[in-house]
């Protein structure tokens, strides 16, 4: 074990989702298993299921879905669709 390939991505979090990450940074460098999808980022960052449907996802500046497959070097932006009340 331990020979599983990894990929590295940059995740930028905008909006109230920042409360789910530690510290006051809104950009993270994440190492994920090869074959990972956006949903795997949500699980790694422990975003509550109820929040996920309100997240706009961009991969390298293009709209994406939670099922989008990732590759090393991707830049992911996670934006909250509704902030406020």
PDB file of N, CA and C in Angstrom:
ATOM      1  N   UNK A   1       0.844  -1.178   0.000  1.00  0.00           N
ATOM      2  CA  UNK A   1       0.000   0.000   0.000  1.00  0.00           C
ATOM      3  C   UNK A   1       0.887   1.239   0.000  1.00  0.00           C
ATOM      4  N   UNK A   2       0.248   2.419  -0.064  1.00  0.00           N
ATOM      5  CA  UNK A   2       1.002   3.656  -0.054  1.00  0.00           C
ATOM      6  C   UNK A   2       1.549   4.032  -1.422  1.00  0.00           C
ATOM      7  N   UNK A   3       1.257   3.233  -2.444  1.00  0.00           N
ATOM      8  CA  UNK A   3       1.738   3.547  -3.781  1.00  0.00           C
ATOM      9  C   UNK A   3       0.639   4.155  -4.645  1.00  0.00           C
ATOM     10  N   UNK A   4      -0.518   4.429  -4.061  1.00  0.00           N
ATOM     11  CA  UNK A   4      -1.610   5.020  -4.817  1.00  0.00           C
ATOM     12  C   UNK A   4      -1.210   6.413  -5.296  1.00  0.00           C
ATOM     13  N   UNK A   5      -1.505   6.693  -6.554  1.00  0.00           N
ATOM     14  CA  UNK A   5      -1.134   7.986  -7.127  1.00  0.00           C
ATOM     15  C   UNK A   5      -1.968   9.094  -6.503  1.00  0.00           C
ATOM     16  N   UNK A   6      -1.351  10.254  -6.392  1.00  0.00           N
ATOM     17  CA  UNK A   6      -2.009  11.428  -5.828  1.00  0.00           C
ATOM     18  C   UNK A   6      -2.068  12.524  -6.881  1.00  0.00           C
ATOM     19  N   UNK A   7      -3.000  13.433  -6.688  1.00  0.00           N
ATOM     20  CA  UNK A   7      -3.030  14.640  -7.496  1.00  0.00           C
ATOM     21  C   UNK A   7      -3.138  15.818  -6.554  1.00  0.00           C
ATOM     22  N   UNK A   8      -2.671  16.962  -7.015  1.00  0.00           N
ATOM     23  CA  UNK A   8      -2.676  18.157  -6.183  1.00  0.00           C
ATOM     24  C   UNK A   8      -3.479  19.239  -6.877  1.00  0.00           C
ATOM     25  N   UNK A   9      -4.404  19.842  -6.129  1.00  0.00           N
ATOM     26  CA  UNK A   9      -5.259  20.900  -6.659  1.00  0.00           C
ATOM     27  C   UNK A   9      -5.254  22.082  -5.696  1.00  0.00           C
ATOM     28  N   UNK A  10      -5.659  23.236  -6.220  1.00  0.00           N
ATOM     29  CA  UNK A  10      -5.818  24.428  -5.398  1.00  0.00           C
ATOM     30  C   UNK A  10      -7.313  24.710  -5.307  1.00  0.00           C
ATOM     31  N   UNK A  11      -7.794  24.893  -4.089  1.00  0.00           N
ATOM     32  CA  UNK A  11      -9.218  25.146  -3.859  1.00  0.00           C
ATOM     33  C   UNK A  11      -9.365  26.517  -3.218  1.00  0.00           C
ATOM     34  N   UNK A  12     -10.133  27.381  -3.881  1.00  0.00           N
ATOM     35  CA  UNK A  12     -10.430  28.705  -3.331  1.00  0.00           C
ATOM     36  C   UNK A  12     -11.879  28.701  -2.871  1.00  0.00           C
ATOM     37  N   UNK A  13     -12.088  29.128  -1.645  1.00  0.00           N
ATOM     38  CA  UNK A  13     -13.417  29.113  -1.053  1.00  0.00           C
ATOM     39  C   UNK A  13     -13.864  30.553  -0.811  1.00  0.00           C
ATOM     40  N   UNK A  14     -15.028  30.890  -1.358  1.00  0.00           N
ATOM     41  CA  UNK A  14     -15.549  32.247  -1.262  1.00  0.00           C
ATOM     42  C   UNK A  14     -16.919  32.203  -0.609  1.00  0.00           C
ATOM     43  N   UNK A  15     -17.132  33.074   0.366  1.00  0.00           N
ATOM     44  CA  UNK A  15     -18.430  33.140   1.024  1.00  0.00           C
ATOM     45  C   UNK A  15     -18.404  32.458   2.377  1.00  0.00           C
ATOM     46  N   UNK A  16     -19.589  32.150   2.872  1.00  0.00           N
ATOM     47  CA  UNK A  16     -19.700  31.645   4.244  1.00  0.00           C
ATOM     48  C   UNK A  16     -19.124  30.236   4.429  1.00  0.00           C
ATOM     49  N   UNK A  17     -18.769  29.546   3.349  1.00  0.00           N
ATOM     50  CA  UNK A  17     -18.153  28.222   3.491  1.00  0.00           C
ATOM     51  C   UNK A  17     -16.785  28.301   4.171  1.00  0.00           C
ATOM     52  N   UNK A  18     -16.207  29.494   4.199  1.00  0.00           N
ATOM     53  CA  UNK A  18     -14.902  29.664   4.857  1.00  0.00           C
ATOM     54  C   UNK A  18     -14.939  29.224   6.309  1.00  0.00           C
ATOM     55  N   UNK A  19     -16.113  29.250   6.927  1.00  0.00           N
ATOM     56  CA  UNK A  19     -16.208  28.866   8.340  1.00  0.00           C
ATOM     57  C   UNK A  19     -15.908  27.383   8.559  1.00  0.00           C
ATOM     58  N   UNK A  20     -15.928  26.587   7.482  1.00  0.00           N
ATOM     59  CA  UNK A  20     -15.666  25.153   7.609  1.00  0.00           C
ATOM     60  C   UNK A  20     -14.190  24.793   7.452  1.00  0.00           C
ATOM     61  N   UNK A  21     -13.350  25.783   7.170  1.00  0.00           N
ATOM     62  CA  UNK A  21     -11.921  25.494   7.041  1.00  0.00           C
ATOM     63  C   UNK A  21     -11.177  26.171   8.172  1.00  0.00           C
ATOM     64  N   UNK A  22     -10.056  25.593   8.561  1.00  0.00           N
ATOM     65  CA  UNK A  22      -9.327  26.128   9.709  1.00  0.00           C
ATOM     66  C   UNK A  22      -8.503  27.342   9.304  1.00  0.00           C
ATOM     67  N   UNK A  23      -8.295  28.190  10.263  1.00  0.00           N
ATOM     68  CA  UNK A  23      -7.516  29.392  10.024  1.00  0.00           C
ATOM     69  C   UNK A  23      -8.326  30.427   9.271  1.00  0.00           C
ATOM     70  N   UNK A  24      -7.629  31.463   8.797  1.00  0.00           N
ATOM     71  CA  UNK A  24      -8.333  32.525   8.086  1.00  0.00           C
ATOM     72  C   UNK A  24      -7.929  32.571   6.620  1.00  0.00           C
ATOM     73  N   UNK A  25      -7.458  31.446   6.113  1.00  0.00           N
ATOM     74  CA  UNK A  25      -7.121  31.378   4.690  1.00  0.00           C
ATOM     75  C   UNK A  25      -8.342  30.932   3.903  1.00  0.00           C
ATOM     76  N   UNK A  26      -8.444  31.385   2.653  1.00  0.00           N
ATOM     77  CA  UNK A  26      -9.562  30.931   1.834  1.00  0.00           C
ATOM     78  C   UNK A  26      -9.074  30.163   0.603  1.00  0.00           C
ATOM     79  N   UNK A  27      -7.765  29.886   0.550  1.00  0.00           N
ATOM     80  CA  UNK A  27      -7.209  29.104  -0.543  1.00  0.00           C
ATOM     81  C   UNK A  27      -6.390  27.961   0.037  1.00  0.00           C
ATOM     82  N   UNK A  28      -6.683  26.751  -0.425  1.00  0.00           N
ATOM     83  CA  UNK A  28      -6.040  25.553   0.115  1.00  0.00           C
ATOM     84  C   UNK A  28      -5.363  24.761  -0.994  1.00  0.00           C
ATOM     85  N   UNK A  29      -4.226  24.188  -0.696  1.00  0.00           N
ATOM     86  CA  UNK A  29      -3.588  23.217  -1.578  1.00  0.00           C
ATOM     87  C   UNK A  29      -3.939  21.848  -1.022  1.00  0.00           C
ATOM     88  N   UNK A  30      -4.642  21.046  -1.816  1.00  0.00           N
ATOM     89  CA  UNK A  30      -5.078  19.734  -1.354  1.00  0.00           C
ATOM     90  C   UNK A  30      -4.437  18.632  -2.178  1.00  0.00           C
ATOM     91  N   UNK A  31      -4.063  17.555  -1.486  1.00  0.00           N
ATOM     92  CA  UNK A  31      -3.597  16.338  -2.152  1.00  0.00           C
ATOM     93  C   UNK A  31      -4.724  15.323  -2.055  1.00  0.00           C
ATOM     94  N   UNK A  32      -5.104  14.808  -3.220  1.00  0.00           N
ATOM     95  CA  UNK A  32      -6.210  13.859  -3.308  1.00  0.00           C
ATOM     96  C   UNK A  32      -5.753  12.612  -4.045  1.00  0.00           C
ATOM     97  N   UNK A  33      -6.499  11.547  -3.908  1.00  0.00           N
ATOM     98  CA  UNK A  33      -6.208  10.335  -4.662  1.00  0.00           C
ATOM     99  C   UNK A  33      -6.512  10.559  -6.138  1.00  0.00           C
ATOM    100  N   UNK A  34      -5.729   9.933  -7.001  1.00  0.00           N
ATOM    101  CA  UNK A  34      -6.004   9.984  -8.434  1.00  0.00           C
ATOM    102  C   UNK A  34      -7.425   9.488  -8.666  1.00  0.00           C
ATOM    103  N   UNK A  35      -8.129  10.115  -9.596  1.00  0.00           N
ATOM    104  CA  UNK A  35      -9.514   9.736  -9.865  1.00  0.00           C
ATOM    105  C   UNK A  35     -10.522  10.474  -9.007  1.00  0.00           C
ATOM    106  N   UNK A  36     -10.061  11.400  -8.178  1.00  0.00           N
ATOM    107  CA  UNK A  36     -10.974  12.145  -7.305  1.00  0.00           C
ATOM    108  C   UNK A  36     -11.866  13.076  -8.110  1.00  0.00           C
ATOM    109  N   UNK A  37     -13.022  13.386  -7.514  1.00  0.00           N
ATOM    110  CA  UNK A  37     -13.992  14.294  -8.104  1.00  0.00           C
ATOM    111  C   UNK A  37     -14.244  15.433  -7.119  1.00  0.00           C
ATOM    112  N   UNK A  38     -14.987  16.423  -7.554  1.00  0.00           N
ATOM    113  CA  UNK A  38     -15.319  17.561  -6.686  1.00  0.00           C
ATOM    114  C   UNK A  38     -15.968  17.081  -5.391  1.00  0.00           C
ATOM    115  N   UNK A  39     -16.859  16.120  -5.471  1.00  0.00           N
ATOM    116  CA  UNK A  39     -17.550  15.621  -4.277  1.00  0.00           C
ATOM    117  C   UNK A  39     -16.557  15.131  -3.225  1.00  0.00           C
ATOM    118  N   UNK A  40     -15.410  14.635  -3.671  1.00  0.00           N
ATOM    119  CA  UNK A  40     -14.388  14.171  -2.730  1.00  0.00           C
ATOM    120  C   UNK A  40     -13.793  15.345  -1.949  1.00  0.00           C
ATOM    121  N   UNK A  41     -13.708  16.504  -2.581  1.00  0.00           N
ATOM    122  CA  UNK A  41     -13.242  17.711  -1.874  1.00  0.00           C
ATOM    123  C   UNK A  41     -14.250  18.077  -0.791  1.00  0.00           C
ATOM    124  N   UNK A  42     -15.550  18.046  -1.151  1.00  0.00           N
ATOM    125  CA  UNK A  42     -16.586  18.367  -0.163  1.00  0.00           C
ATOM    126  C   UNK A  42     -16.478  17.451   1.046  1.00  0.00           C
ATOM    127  N   UNK A  43     -16.246  16.170   0.795  1.00  0.00           N
ATOM    128  CA  UNK A  43     -16.140  15.209   1.894  1.00  0.00           C
ATOM    129  C   UNK A  43     -14.868  15.451   2.705  1.00  0.00           C
ATOM    130  N   UNK A  44     -13.766  15.733   2.037  1.00  0.00           N
ATOM    131  CA  UNK A  44     -12.499  15.976   2.732  1.00  0.00           C
ATOM    132  C   UNK A  44     -12.599  17.211   3.637  1.00  0.00           C
ATOM    133  N   UNK A  45     -13.283  18.244   3.146  1.00  0.00           N
ATOM    134  CA  UNK A  45     -13.431  19.476   3.931  1.00  0.00           C
ATOM    135  C   UNK A  45     -14.618  19.414   4.893  1.00  0.00           C
ATOM    136  N   UNK A  46     -15.346  18.305   4.868  1.00  0.00           N
ATOM    137  CA  UNK A  46     -16.483  18.067   5.764  1.00  0.00           C
ATOM    138  C   UNK A  46     -17.570  19.126   5.640  1.00  0.00           C
ATOM    139  N   UNK A  47     -17.876  19.522   4.381  1.00  0.00           N
ATOM    140  CA  UNK A  47     -18.995  20.429   4.163  1.00  0.00           C
ATOM    141  C   UNK A  47     -20.291  19.666   4.434  1.00  0.00           C
ATOM    142  N   UNK A  48     -21.225  20.261   5.171  1.00  0.00           N
ATOM    143  CA  UNK A  48     -22.508  19.596   5.424  1.00  0.00           C
ATOM    144  C   UNK A  48     -23.277  19.397   4.113  1.00  0.00           C
ATOM    145  N   UNK A  49     -23.957  18.283   4.018  1.00  0.00           N
ATOM    146  CA  UNK A  49     -24.740  17.956   2.814  1.00  0.00           C
ATOM    147  C   UNK A  49     -25.704  19.085   2.454  1.00  0.00           C
ATOM    148  N   UNK A  50     -26.321  19.711   3.460  1.00  0.00           N
ATOM    149  CA  UNK A  50     -27.307  20.777   3.205  1.00  0.00           C
ATOM    150  C   UNK A  50     -26.693  21.992   2.527  1.00  0.00           C
ATOM    151  N   UNK A  51     -25.374  22.192   2.658  1.00  0.00           N
ATOM    152  CA  UNK A  51     -24.691  23.334   2.048  1.00  0.00           C
ATOM    153  C   UNK A  51     -24.323  23.065   0.590  1.00  0.00           C
ATOM    154  N   UNK A  52     -24.104  21.807   0.249  1.00  0.00           N
ATOM    155  CA  UNK A  52     -23.536  21.462  -1.052  1.00  0.00           C
ATOM    156  C   UNK A  52     -24.406  21.927  -2.216  1.00  0.00           C
ATOM    157  N   UNK A  53     -25.718  21.851  -2.075  1.00  0.00           N
ATOM    158  CA  UNK A  53     -26.583  22.237  -3.193  1.00  0.00           C
ATOM    159  C   UNK A  53     -26.548  23.735  -3.478  1.00  0.00           C
ATOM    160  N   UNK A  54     -25.980  24.520  -2.587  1.00  0.00           N
ATOM    161  CA  UNK A  54     -25.912  25.966  -2.775  1.00  0.00           C
ATOM    162  C   UNK A  54     -24.526  26.444  -3.221  1.00  0.00           C
ATOM    163  N   UNK A  55     -23.676  25.522  -3.619  1.00  0.00           N
ATOM    164  CA  UNK A  55     -22.316  25.882  -4.006  1.00  0.00           C
ATOM    165  C   UNK A  55     -22.201  25.932  -5.523  1.00  0.00           C
ATOM    166  N   UNK A  56     -21.678  27.057  -6.031  1.00  0.00           N
ATOM    167  CA  UNK A  56     -21.341  27.161  -7.447  1.00  0.00           C
ATOM    168  C   UNK A  56     -19.894  26.700  -7.588  1.00  0.00           C
ATOM    169  N   UNK A  57     -19.657  25.796  -8.531  1.00  0.00           N
ATOM    170  CA  UNK A  57     -18.343  25.182  -8.695  1.00  0.00           C
ATOM    171  C   UNK A  57     -17.724  25.631 -10.014  1.00  0.00           C
ATOM    172  N   UNK A  58     -16.492  26.104  -9.950  1.00  0.00           N
ATOM    173  CA  UNK A  58     -15.724  26.407 -11.148  1.00  0.00           C
ATOM    174  C   UNK A  58     -14.426  25.611 -11.096  1.00  0.00           C
ATOM    175  N   UNK A  59     -14.070  24.991 -12.208  1.00  0.00           N
ATOM    176  CA  UNK A  59     -12.777  24.316 -12.333  1.00  0.00           C
ATOM    177  C   UNK A  59     -12.036  24.996 -13.465  1.00  0.00           C
ATOM    178  N   UNK A  60     -10.899  25.597 -13.136  1.00  0.00           N
ATOM    179  CA  UNK A  60     -10.113  26.360 -14.112  1.00  0.00           C
ATOM    180  C   UNK A  60     -10.970  27.418 -14.802  1.00  0.00           C
ATOM    181  N   UNK A  61     -11.864  28.048 -14.014  1.00  0.00           N
ATOM    182  CA  UNK A  61     -12.697  29.137 -14.512  1.00  0.00           C
ATOM    183  C   UNK A  61     -13.931  28.707 -15.281  1.00  0.00           C
ATOM    184  N   UNK A  62     -14.172  27.399 -15.402  1.00  0.00           N
ATOM    185  CA  UNK A  62     -15.317  26.888 -16.150  1.00  0.00           C
ATOM    186  C   UNK A  62     -16.321  26.223 -15.200  1.00  0.00           C
ATOM    187  N   UNK A  63     -17.625  26.404 -15.459  1.00  0.00           N
ATOM    188  CA  UNK A  63     -18.629  25.759 -14.610  1.00  0.00           C
ATOM    189  C   UNK A  63     -18.426  24.242 -14.564  1.00  0.00           C
ATOM    190  N   UNK A  64     -18.651  23.673 -13.396  1.00  0.00           N
ATOM    191  CA  UNK A  64     -18.453  22.242 -13.194  1.00  0.00           C
ATOM    192  C   UNK A  64     -19.526  21.725 -12.243  1.00  0.00           C
ATOM    193  N   UNK A  65     -19.587  20.401 -12.099  1.00  0.00           N
ATOM    194  CA  UNK A  65     -20.535  19.786 -11.178  1.00  0.00           C
ATOM    195  C   UNK A  65     -19.770  19.023 -10.107  1.00  0.00           C
ATOM    196  N   UNK A  66     -20.498  18.543  -9.115  1.00  0.00           N
ATOM    197  CA  UNK A  66     -19.837  17.808  -8.037  1.00  0.00           C
ATOM    198  C   UNK A  66     -19.264  16.482  -8.514  1.00  0.00           C
ATOM    199  N   UNK A  67     -19.670  16.019  -9.698  1.00  0.00           N
ATOM    200  CA  UNK A  67     -19.161  14.768 -10.259  1.00  0.00           C
ATOM    201  C   UNK A  67     -17.951  14.978 -11.180  1.00  0.00           C
ATOM    202  N   UNK A  68     -17.544  16.229 -11.387  1.00  0.00           N
ATOM    203  CA  UNK A  68     -16.427  16.522 -12.283  1.00  0.00           C
ATOM    204  C   UNK A  68     -15.148  15.864 -11.780  1.00  0.00           C
ATOM    205  N   UNK A  69     -14.472  15.136 -12.670  1.00  0.00           N
ATOM    206  CA  UNK A  69     -13.196  14.498 -12.340  1.00  0.00           C
ATOM    207  C   UNK A  69     -12.092  15.549 -12.323  1.00  0.00           C
ATOM    208  N   UNK A  70     -11.150  15.371 -11.424  1.00  0.00           N
ATOM    209  CA  UNK A  70     -10.067  16.340 -11.255  1.00  0.00           C
ATOM    210  C   UNK A  70      -8.759  15.797 -11.794  1.00  0.00           C
ATOM    211  N   UNK A  71      -7.876  16.746 -12.164  1.00  0.00           N
ATOM    212  CA  UNK A  71      -6.521  16.369 -12.540  1.00  0.00           C
ATOM    213  C   UNK A  71      -5.554  17.290 -11.816  1.00  0.00           C
ATOM    214  N   UNK A  72      -4.344  16.840 -11.670  1.00  0.00           N
ATOM    215  CA  UNK A  72      -3.345  17.610 -10.940  1.00  0.00           C
ATOM    216  C   UNK A  72      -3.176  18.988 -11.578  1.00  0.00           C
ATOM    217  N   UNK A  73      -3.131  20.014 -10.731  1.00  0.00           N
ATOM    218  CA  UNK A  73      -2.955  21.381 -11.194  1.00  0.00           C
ATOM    219  C   UNK A  73      -4.257  22.141 -11.370  1.00  0.00           C
ATOM    220  N   UNK A  74      -5.395  21.463 -11.256  1.00  0.00           N
ATOM    221  CA  UNK A  74      -6.683  22.151 -11.381  1.00  0.00           C
ATOM    222  C   UNK A  74      -6.814  23.210 -10.289  1.00  0.00           C
ATOM    223  N   UNK A  75      -7.494  24.302 -10.670  1.00  0.00           N
ATOM    224  CA  UNK A  75      -7.837  25.363  -9.719  1.00  0.00           C
ATOM    225  C   UNK A  75      -9.356  25.350  -9.575  1.00  0.00           C
ATOM    226  N   UNK A  76      -9.800  25.068  -8.365  1.00  0.00           N
ATOM    227  CA  UNK A  76     -11.225  24.941  -8.091  1.00  0.00           C
ATOM    228  C   UNK A  76     -11.675  26.131  -7.257  1.00  0.00           C
ATOM    229  N   UNK A  77     -12.768  26.762  -7.690  1.00  0.00           N
ATOM    230  CA  UNK A  77     -13.384  27.835  -6.911  1.00  0.00           C
ATOM    231  C   UNK A  77     -14.741  27.351  -6.442  1.00  0.00           C
ATOM    232  N   UNK A  78     -14.997  27.508  -5.164  1.00  0.00           N
ATOM    233  CA  UNK A  78     -16.278  27.135  -4.557  1.00  0.00           C
ATOM    234  C   UNK A  78     -16.910  28.399  -4.021  1.00  0.00           C
ATOM    235  N   UNK A  79     -18.016  28.796  -4.603  1.00  0.00           N
ATOM    236  CA  UNK A  79     -18.689  30.038  -4.232  1.00  0.00           C
ATOM    237  C   UNK A  79     -20.082  29.728  -3.737  1.00  0.00           C
ATOM    238  N   UNK A  80     -20.507  30.438  -2.715  1.00  0.00           N
ATOM    239  CA  UNK A  80     -21.862  30.248  -2.216  1.00  0.00           C
ATOM    240  C   UNK A  80     -22.810  31.063  -3.086  1.00  0.00           C
ATOM    241  N   UNK A  81     -23.914  30.445  -3.501  1.00  0.00           N
ATOM    242  CA  UNK A  81     -24.863  31.105  -4.377  1.00  0.00           C
ATOM    243  C   UNK A  81     -25.672  32.173  -3.642  1.00  0.00           C
ATOM    244  N   UNK A  82     -26.008  31.920  -2.394  1.00  0.00           N
ATOM    245  CA  UNK A  82     -26.792  32.866  -1.628  1.00  0.00           C
ATOM    246  C   UNK A  82     -26.113  33.132  -0.304  1.00  0.00           C
ATOM    247  N   UNK A  83     -25.722  34.356  -0.103  1.00  0.00           N
ATOM    248  CA  UNK A  83     -25.140  34.756   1.167  1.00  0.00           C
ATOM    249  C   UNK A  83     -26.001  35.868   1.723  1.00  0.00           C
ATOM    250  N   UNK A  84     -26.622  35.643   2.830  1.00  0.00           N
ATOM    251  CA  UNK A  84     -27.471  36.664   3.402  1.00  0.00           C
ATOM    252  C   UNK A  84     -28.879  36.123   3.594  1.00  0.00           C
ATOM    253  N   UNK A  85     -29.829  37.020   3.801  1.00  0.00           N
ATOM    254  CA  UNK A  85     -31.154  36.506   4.054  1.00  0.00           C
ATOM    255  C   UNK A  85     -32.238  37.399   3.746  1.00  0.00           C
TER     256      UNK A  85
END
